[in-house]
């Protein structure tokens, strides 16, 4: 059995690596061409464009690895079937259940690699890519309305609702165009803080620069003649429950977030009574996505039971590509349907994988019994 395992694993791994390298080379070329328009602006050179495209590679690897597993395994299984090697292995005692266990073990290995790339390598590379582009473009624009964050506090004056708006980020990663609105329990604006820039440390303290602070009196204070106070401060330390991780999740692209960061941000939105379904679905999709490698292995195994006359290798590989594309499409559509239909987040994330797993097991059972 060790010889059979070595034969299958070596053949499948090399096929998957070949497909992954081919896909990544294509995507690298496309990203590099996209960056050519920025060359010559603000000191952006050809080397920076190549580095930016290279930093996108781990993210593409994370997204494409299950599809590469599917295509590479289909190619390997179809080649073994065409050369009758798999038939010899079946004659030598490689039954369907044992073959399924062998490929499932290899699929778990690919799932671990996918998880490591998606949770560590890809987010780190994406953040470096964002910083690289922001350093030459003067910062990162956050849309016309900027990024909004909310928190609630309960203090001696009752509950306060606080909204924070960040217009953009600077070239060095600092926050720019910060506005903080603090409302009392009756919804009246009590404090407004405007800062030109600021940073958030690990203790969730905001270090603001060039601050304009406006405080409104309570109705009782206004009745006694108290006026609105306006202060201009060179700096201000503002304590908050909005940590650096939460702020980064709000201002940076979603592909820079790991699974645990998505969970924390989703929990933060839930605690602040904000809509969190989108991030809940993204969390479950990212958590379950590595298991797609197991599903892809199960989808590829039935191709080993097709006879050579059932189509050439190229036709079977083409079928594998179509299966992979359909899986990606269903995976994306399922998330949107989950939001529209208000499905449980884990149901929306797990439905595509369960559907294709059931499809592969049905095809596998039929081929083993009738072919």
Protein backbone atom coordinates (compact mmCIF):
# COMPACT_ATOMS: atom_id res chain seq x y z
CA UNK A 1 0.00 0.00 0.00
CA UNK A 2 2.93 2.36 0.59
CA UNK A 3 3.97 1.92 -3.04
CA UNK A 4 0.44 2.69 -4.25
CA UNK A 5 0.23 5.73 -1.96
CA UNK A 6 3.59 7.01 -3.18
CA UNK A 7 2.58 6.51 -6.82
CA UNK A 8 -0.76 8.31 -6.47
CA UNK A 9 0.48 11.14 -4.26
CA UNK A 10 3.52 11.89 -6.40
CA UNK A 11 1.48 11.95 -9.59
CA UNK A 12 -1.34 14.06 -8.15
CA UNK A 13 0.93 16.54 -6.34
CA UNK A 14 3.05 17.22 -9.41
CA UNK A 15 -0.07 17.67 -11.54
CA UNK A 16 -1.57 20.12 -9.02
CA UNK A 17 1.71 22.05 -8.80
CA UNK A 18 1.91 22.28 -12.59
CA UNK A 19 -1.67 23.60 -12.85
CA UNK A 20 -1.11 26.07 -9.99
CA UNK A 21 2.06 27.45 -11.57
CA UNK A 22 0.29 27.84 -14.92
CA UNK A 23 -2.66 29.70 -13.37
CA UNK A 24 -0.48 31.90 -11.16
CA UNK A 25 1.75 32.83 -14.10
CA UNK A 26 -1.30 33.92 -16.07
CA UNK A 27 -2.74 35.97 -13.20
CA UNK A 28 0.66 37.52 -12.47
CA UNK A 29 0.93 38.65 -16.07
CA UNK A 30 -2.58 40.16 -15.96
CA UNK A 31 -1.85 42.02 -12.68
CA UNK A 32 1.48 43.25 -14.02
CA UNK A 33 -0.17 44.61 -17.16
CA UNK A 34 -2.78 46.38 -15.00
CA UNK A 35 0.00 48.12 -13.06
CA UNK A 36 1.75 49.43 -16.18
CA UNK A 37 -0.59 52.46 -16.36
CA UNK A 38 0.74 53.74 -13.03
CA UNK A 39 4.41 53.63 -14.04
CA UNK A 40 6.01 57.07 -14.11
CA UNK A 41 3.55 58.64 -11.65
CA UNK A 42 4.95 59.82 -8.31
CA UNK A 43 8.10 57.76 -8.76
CA UNK A 44 6.28 54.48 -9.46
CA UNK A 45 8.69 52.32 -11.46
CA UNK A 46 8.62 49.04 -13.35
CA UNK A 47 10.17 47.31 -10.32
CA UNK A 48 7.36 48.55 -8.09
CA UNK A 49 4.80 47.26 -10.59
CA UNK A 50 6.47 43.83 -10.60
CA UNK A 51 6.57 43.78 -6.79
CA UNK A 52 2.91 44.82 -6.54
CA UNK A 53 1.86 42.05 -8.94
CA UNK A 54 3.97 39.54 -7.00
CA UNK A 55 2.25 40.51 -3.74
CA UNK A 56 -1.09 39.57 -5.33
CA UNK A 57 0.12 36.00 -6.01
CA UNK A 58 -0.62 34.53 -2.51
CA UNK A 59 -4.21 35.79 -2.71
CA UNK A 60 -4.65 34.19 -6.12
CA UNK A 61 -3.11 30.97 -4.83
CA UNK A 62 -5.64 30.87 -1.99
CA UNK A 63 -8.56 31.40 -4.35
CA UNK A 64 -7.33 29.00 -7.04
CA UNK A 65 -5.91 26.14 -4.99
CA UNK A 66 -9.14 24.09 -4.77
CA UNK A 67 -9.64 24.47 -8.54
CA UNK A 68 -6.00 23.50 -9.14
CA UNK A 69 -6.56 20.45 -6.94
CA UNK A 70 -9.60 19.50 -9.02
CA UNK A 71 -7.95 19.96 -12.43
CA UNK A 72 -4.63 18.40 -11.39
CA UNK A 73 -6.31 15.37 -9.81
CA UNK A 74 -8.62 14.89 -12.79
CA UNK A 75 -5.63 14.99 -15.12
CA UNK A 76 -3.73 12.51 -12.98
CA UNK A 77 -6.67 10.11 -12.57
CA UNK A 78 -7.61 10.30 -16.26
CA UNK A 79 -4.02 9.62 -17.31
CA UNK A 80 -3.80 6.61 -15.01
CA UNK A 81 -7.11 5.33 -16.37
CA UNK A 82 -6.07 5.86 -19.99
CA UNK A 83 -2.80 3.96 -19.52
CA UNK A 84 -4.68 1.17 -17.64
CA UNK A 85 -2.46 1.76 -14.59
CA UNK A 86 -5.50 2.44 -12.42
CA UNK A 87 -7.14 -0.74 -13.70
CA UNK A 88 -4.03 -2.66 -12.60
CA UNK A 89 -4.17 -0.98 -9.19
CA UNK A 90 -7.83 -1.98 -8.84
CA UNK A 91 -6.95 -5.55 -9.78
CA UNK A 92 -4.19 -5.48 -7.17
CA UNK A 93 -6.63 -4.64 -4.38
CA UNK A 94 -7.20 -0.87 -4.54
CA UNK A 95 -10.91 -0.84 -3.81
CA UNK A 96 -13.18 2.22 -4.06
CA UNK A 97 -13.23 2.86 -0.30
CA UNK A 98 -9.45 2.62 -0.02
CA UNK A 99 -8.95 4.92 -3.02
CA UNK A 100 -11.36 7.41 -1.49
CA UNK A 101 -9.44 7.34 1.81
CA UNK A 102 -6.12 7.86 0.05
CA UNK A 103 -7.35 10.90 -1.85
CA UNK A 104 -9.18 12.25 1.21
CA UNK A 105 -5.92 12.19 3.18
CA UNK A 106 -4.15 14.06 0.39
CA UNK A 107 -7.10 16.47 0.22
CA UNK A 108 -6.67 17.22 3.92
CA UNK A 109 -3.05 18.11 3.24
CA UNK A 110 -4.09 20.55 0.52
CA UNK A 111 -6.77 21.92 2.87
CA UNK A 112 -4.12 22.69 5.50
CA UNK A 113 -1.99 24.46 2.88
CA UNK A 114 -5.02 26.47 1.74
CA UNK A 115 -5.81 27.45 5.32
CA UNK A 116 -2.24 28.58 6.02
CA UNK A 117 -2.06 30.61 2.81
CA UNK A 118 -5.50 32.16 3.36
CA UNK A 119 -5.02 33.07 7.03
CA UNK A 120 -1.38 34.12 7.11
CA UNK A 121 0.42 34.53 3.80
CA UNK A 122 -2.33 36.11 1.66
CA UNK A 123 -3.53 38.75 4.20
CA UNK A 124 0.05 39.79 4.92
CA UNK A 125 0.88 40.09 1.21
CA UNK A 126 -2.35 41.97 0.48
CA UNK A 127 -1.63 44.50 3.23
CA UNK A 128 1.86 45.06 1.90
CA UNK A 129 0.40 45.55 -1.57
CA UNK A 130 -2.07 48.12 -0.22
CA UNK A 131 0.74 49.96 1.61
CA UNK A 132 2.95 49.92 -1.48
CA UNK A 133 0.26 51.40 -3.70
CA UNK A 134 -0.83 53.90 -1.03
CA UNK A 135 2.74 55.16 -0.59
CA UNK A 136 2.83 56.23 -4.25
CA UNK A 137 -0.77 57.42 -4.51
CA UNK A 138 -0.70 59.60 -1.40
CA UNK A 139 -2.91 57.31 0.64
CA UNK A 140 -5.92 55.04 0.34
CA UNK A 141 -9.27 56.54 -0.61
CA UNK A 142 -12.26 55.05 1.24
CA UNK A 143 -15.02 56.13 -1.10
CA UNK A 144 -17.14 59.25 -1.14
CA UNK A 145 -18.46 58.78 2.39
CA UNK A 146 -15.35 57.25 3.97
CA UNK A 147 -15.42 54.46 6.54
CA UNK A 148 -17.87 54.58 9.44
CA UNK A 149 -17.45 52.91 12.83
CA UNK A 150 -19.82 52.90 15.78
CA UNK A 151 -19.63 52.12 19.46
CA UNK A 152 -21.81 52.47 22.55
CA UNK A 153 -20.66 53.47 26.00
CA UNK A 154 -22.40 53.42 29.35
CA UNK A 155 -21.06 55.98 31.80
CA UNK A 156 -22.17 58.21 34.68
CA UNK A 157 -24.12 60.38 32.22
CA UNK A 158 -25.98 57.43 30.74
CA UNK A 159 -25.53 55.63 27.47
CA UNK A 160 -23.68 57.42 24.70
CA UNK A 161 -23.76 56.54 21.01
CA UNK A 162 -20.53 57.38 19.18
CA UNK A 163 -20.01 57.45 15.42
CA UNK A 164 -16.55 57.78 13.90
CA UNK A 165 -15.89 58.68 10.28
CA UNK A 166 -12.50 58.26 8.58
CA UNK A 167 -12.18 59.95 5.18
CA UNK A 168 -9.00 58.24 3.97
CA UNK A 169 -5.67 56.81 5.07
CA UNK A 170 -2.30 58.43 4.48
CA UNK A 171 0.75 57.11 2.70
CA UNK A 172 2.23 55.99 6.03
CA UNK A 173 -0.93 54.23 7.18
CA UNK A 174 -2.19 57.03 9.42
CA UNK A 175 -5.90 57.90 9.46
CA UNK A 176 -6.87 61.22 7.90
CA UNK A 177 -10.00 63.33 8.02
CA UNK A 178 -11.28 61.93 11.32
CA UNK A 179 -14.65 63.05 12.65
CA UNK A 180 -16.13 61.81 15.93
CA UNK A 181 -19.77 62.43 16.91
CA UNK A 182 -21.00 61.68 20.42
CA UNK A 183 -24.76 61.64 21.10
CA UNK A 184 -26.55 61.34 24.43
CA UNK A 185 -29.44 59.01 25.30
CA UNK A 186 -31.96 61.43 23.77
CA UNK A 187 -30.10 61.54 20.47
CA UNK A 188 -28.74 65.06 20.98
CA UNK A 189 -25.27 65.85 19.72
CA UNK A 190 -23.02 66.50 22.73
CA UNK A 191 -19.48 66.42 21.37
CA UNK A 192 -17.89 66.68 17.95
CA UNK A 193 -14.20 66.09 17.42
CA UNK A 194 -12.48 66.79 14.13
CA UNK A 195 -8.84 65.80 13.60
CA UNK A 196 -6.60 66.15 10.61
CA UNK A 197 -4.87 62.83 11.28
CA UNK A 198 -4.47 60.17 13.93
CA UNK A 199 -3.32 56.69 14.87
CA UNK A 200 -4.76 53.93 17.02
CA UNK A 201 -2.47 52.03 19.39
CA UNK A 202 -2.88 48.52 20.74
CA UNK A 203 -4.66 49.83 23.85
CA UNK A 204 -7.44 51.30 21.65
CA UNK A 205 -6.30 54.86 22.38
CA UNK A 206 -6.65 57.24 19.43
CA UNK A 207 -3.76 59.72 19.16
CA UNK A 208 -5.27 62.64 17.26
CA UNK A 209 -3.39 65.58 15.73
CA UNK A 210 -4.59 69.12 14.93
CA UNK A 211 -7.90 68.74 16.75
CA UNK A 212 -11.00 70.91 16.76
CA UNK A 213 -13.32 69.93 19.61
CA UNK A 214 -16.84 71.29 20.03
CA UNK A 215 -18.95 70.58 23.16
CA UNK A 216 -22.66 71.41 23.44
CA UNK A 217 -24.24 72.01 26.85
CA UNK A 218 -27.14 69.94 28.15
CA UNK A 219 -30.60 71.58 28.15
CA UNK A 220 -30.22 72.23 31.86
CA UNK A 221 -26.83 73.89 31.36
CA UNK A 222 -28.13 75.91 28.41
CA UNK A 223 -30.98 77.18 30.59
CA UNK A 224 -28.41 78.66 32.98
CA UNK A 225 -26.62 80.45 30.16
CA UNK A 226 -23.91 77.92 29.33
CA UNK A 227 -22.57 78.33 25.80
CA UNK A 228 -21.08 76.03 23.23
CA UNK A 229 -17.34 75.60 23.83
CA UNK A 230 -14.85 75.28 20.98
CA UNK A 231 -11.25 74.22 21.52
CA UNK A 232 -8.32 73.91 19.15
CA UNK A 233 -5.76 71.43 20.38
CA UNK A 234 -2.44 70.39 18.83
CA UNK A 235 -3.06 66.80 19.96
CA UNK A 236 -5.59 64.75 21.87
CA UNK A 237 -5.71 61.23 23.26
CA UNK A 238 -9.19 59.76 22.89
CA UNK A 239 -9.92 56.42 24.57
CA UNK A 240 -12.27 54.04 22.79
CA UNK A 241 -13.31 50.43 22.45
CA UNK A 242 -12.49 50.61 18.73
CA UNK A 243 -9.22 48.74 18.58
CA UNK A 244 -6.60 48.94 15.86
CA UNK A 245 -7.79 45.60 14.44
CA UNK A 246 -11.39 46.82 14.18
CA UNK A 247 -10.29 50.03 12.49
CA UNK A 248 -8.08 48.12 10.06
CA UNK A 249 -11.00 45.84 9.21
CA UNK A 250 -13.15 48.88 8.42
CA UNK A 251 -10.64 50.76 6.25
CA UNK A 252 -8.72 47.98 4.50
CA UNK A 253 -10.06 45.67 1.74
CA UNK A 254 -11.77 42.48 2.89
CA UNK A 255 -9.10 40.25 1.34
CA UNK A 256 -6.60 41.58 3.89
CA UNK A 257 -8.55 39.96 6.76
CA UNK A 258 -7.88 36.53 8.20
CA UNK A 259 -10.58 34.20 9.51
CA UNK A 260 -10.12 35.27 13.13
CA UNK A 261 -10.17 38.96 12.16
CA UNK A 262 -13.44 38.46 10.29
CA UNK A 263 -14.89 36.76 13.36
CA UNK A 264 -13.76 39.59 15.66
CA UNK A 265 -15.12 42.29 13.37
CA UNK A 266 -18.42 40.44 12.97
CA UNK A 267 -18.67 40.09 16.76
CA UNK A 268 -17.94 43.82 17.13
CA UNK A 269 -20.74 44.71 14.71
CA UNK A 270 -23.12 42.43 16.58
CA UNK A 271 -22.20 44.01 19.92
CA UNK A 272 -22.88 47.46 18.46
CA UNK A 273 -26.25 46.32 17.07
CA UNK A 274 -25.08 46.80 13.48
CA UNK A 275 -25.82 44.56 10.50
CA UNK A 276 -23.21 41.81 10.53
CA UNK A 277 -24.70 39.17 8.23
CA UNK A 278 -22.33 40.00 5.36
CA UNK A 279 -19.28 39.49 7.57
CA UNK A 280 -20.81 36.40 9.20
CA UNK A 281 -21.17 34.80 5.76
CA UNK A 282 -17.64 35.86 4.79
CA UNK A 283 -16.32 34.37 8.03
CA UNK A 284 -17.99 31.00 7.42
CA UNK A 285 -16.94 31.00 3.76
CA UNK A 286 -13.33 31.61 4.72
CA UNK A 287 -13.48 29.04 7.52
CA UNK A 288 -14.99 26.34 5.29
CA UNK A 289 -13.17 27.20 2.06
CA UNK A 290 -10.11 24.96 2.73
CA UNK A 291 -12.47 21.97 2.96
CA UNK A 292 -13.29 22.59 -0.70
CA UNK A 293 -10.05 20.72 -1.47
CA UNK A 294 -11.67 17.57 -0.07
CA UNK A 295 -14.73 18.17 -2.23
CA UNK A 296 -12.53 18.66 -5.30
CA UNK A 297 -10.73 15.40 -4.61
CA UNK A 298 -14.06 13.61 -4.37
CA UNK A 299 -15.16 15.20 -7.65
CA UNK A 300 -11.98 14.06 -9.41
CA UNK A 301 -12.02 10.43 -8.27
CA UNK A 302 -14.91 9.31 -10.57
CA UNK A 303 -12.75 10.23 -13.59
CA UNK A 304 -10.46 7.32 -12.72
CA UNK A 305 -13.35 4.92 -13.35
CA UNK A 306 -14.08 6.21 -16.85
CA UNK A 307 -12.71 4.10 -19.67
CA UNK A 308 -10.31 5.59 -22.18
CA UNK A 309 -13.00 5.50 -24.84
CA UNK A 310 -15.18 7.77 -22.68
CA UNK A 311 -13.14 10.75 -23.91
CA UNK A 312 -9.54 11.90 -24.09
CA UNK A 313 -7.63 13.50 -21.25
CA UNK A 314 -8.09 16.96 -22.72
CA UNK A 315 -11.86 16.56 -22.72
CA UNK A 316 -11.84 15.41 -19.10
CA UNK A 317 -9.59 18.29 -18.05
CA UNK A 318 -11.95 20.69 -19.82
CA UNK A 319 -14.81 19.14 -17.86
CA UNK A 320 -12.83 19.66 -14.67
CA UNK A 321 -12.30 23.33 -15.52
CA UNK A 322 -16.04 23.76 -16.09
CA UNK A 323 -16.78 22.05 -12.76
CA UNK A 324 -14.31 24.35 -10.99
CA UNK A 325 -15.81 27.47 -12.57
CA UNK A 326 -19.33 26.35 -11.68
CA UNK A 327 -18.23 25.76 -8.08
CA UNK A 328 -16.78 29.29 -7.83
CA UNK A 329 -19.95 30.77 -9.34
CA UNK A 330 -22.23 28.84 -7.01
CA UNK A 331 -20.04 29.75 -4.05
CA UNK A 332 -20.39 33.46 -4.85
CA UNK A 333 -24.09 33.27 -5.68
CA UNK A 334 -24.81 31.35 -2.49
CA UNK A 335 -23.43 34.20 -0.38
CA UNK A 336 -25.66 36.77 -2.10
CA UNK A 337 -28.69 34.49 -1.87
CA UNK A 338 -27.98 33.97 1.81
CA UNK A 339 -28.10 37.72 2.39
CA UNK A 340 -31.26 38.19 0.32
CA UNK A 341 -33.09 35.22 1.84
CA UNK A 342 -31.70 35.77 5.34
CA UNK A 343 -30.23 32.27 5.55
CA UNK A 344 -28.10 31.22 8.48
CA UNK A 345 -24.52 32.28 7.59
CA UNK A 346 -23.07 28.77 7.90
CA UNK A 347 -25.82 27.40 5.63
CA UNK A 348 -25.05 29.95 2.91
CA UNK A 349 -21.33 29.17 3.17
CA UNK A 350 -21.64 25.37 3.31
CA UNK A 351 -24.33 24.81 0.65
CA UNK A 352 -22.03 24.80 -2.45
CA UNK A 353 -19.55 22.38 -0.88
CA UNK A 354 -22.27 20.01 0.34
CA UNK A 355 -23.99 20.08 -3.07
CA UNK A 356 -20.82 19.22 -4.98
CA UNK A 357 -19.84 16.60 -2.41
CA UNK A 358 -23.21 14.90 -2.83
CA UNK A 359 -22.84 15.14 -6.62
CA UNK A 360 -19.39 13.55 -6.55
CA UNK A 361 -20.47 10.74 -4.24
CA UNK A 362 -23.48 9.98 -6.44
CA UNK A 363 -21.31 9.87 -9.58
CA UNK A 364 -18.68 7.78 -7.80
CA UNK A 365 -21.25 5.27 -6.53
CA UNK A 366 -22.87 4.94 -9.95
CA UNK A 367 -19.56 4.43 -11.77
CA UNK A 368 -18.32 1.85 -9.27
CA UNK A 369 -21.58 -0.12 -9.44
CA UNK A 370 -22.40 0.07 -13.13
CA UNK A 371 -19.10 0.79 -14.95
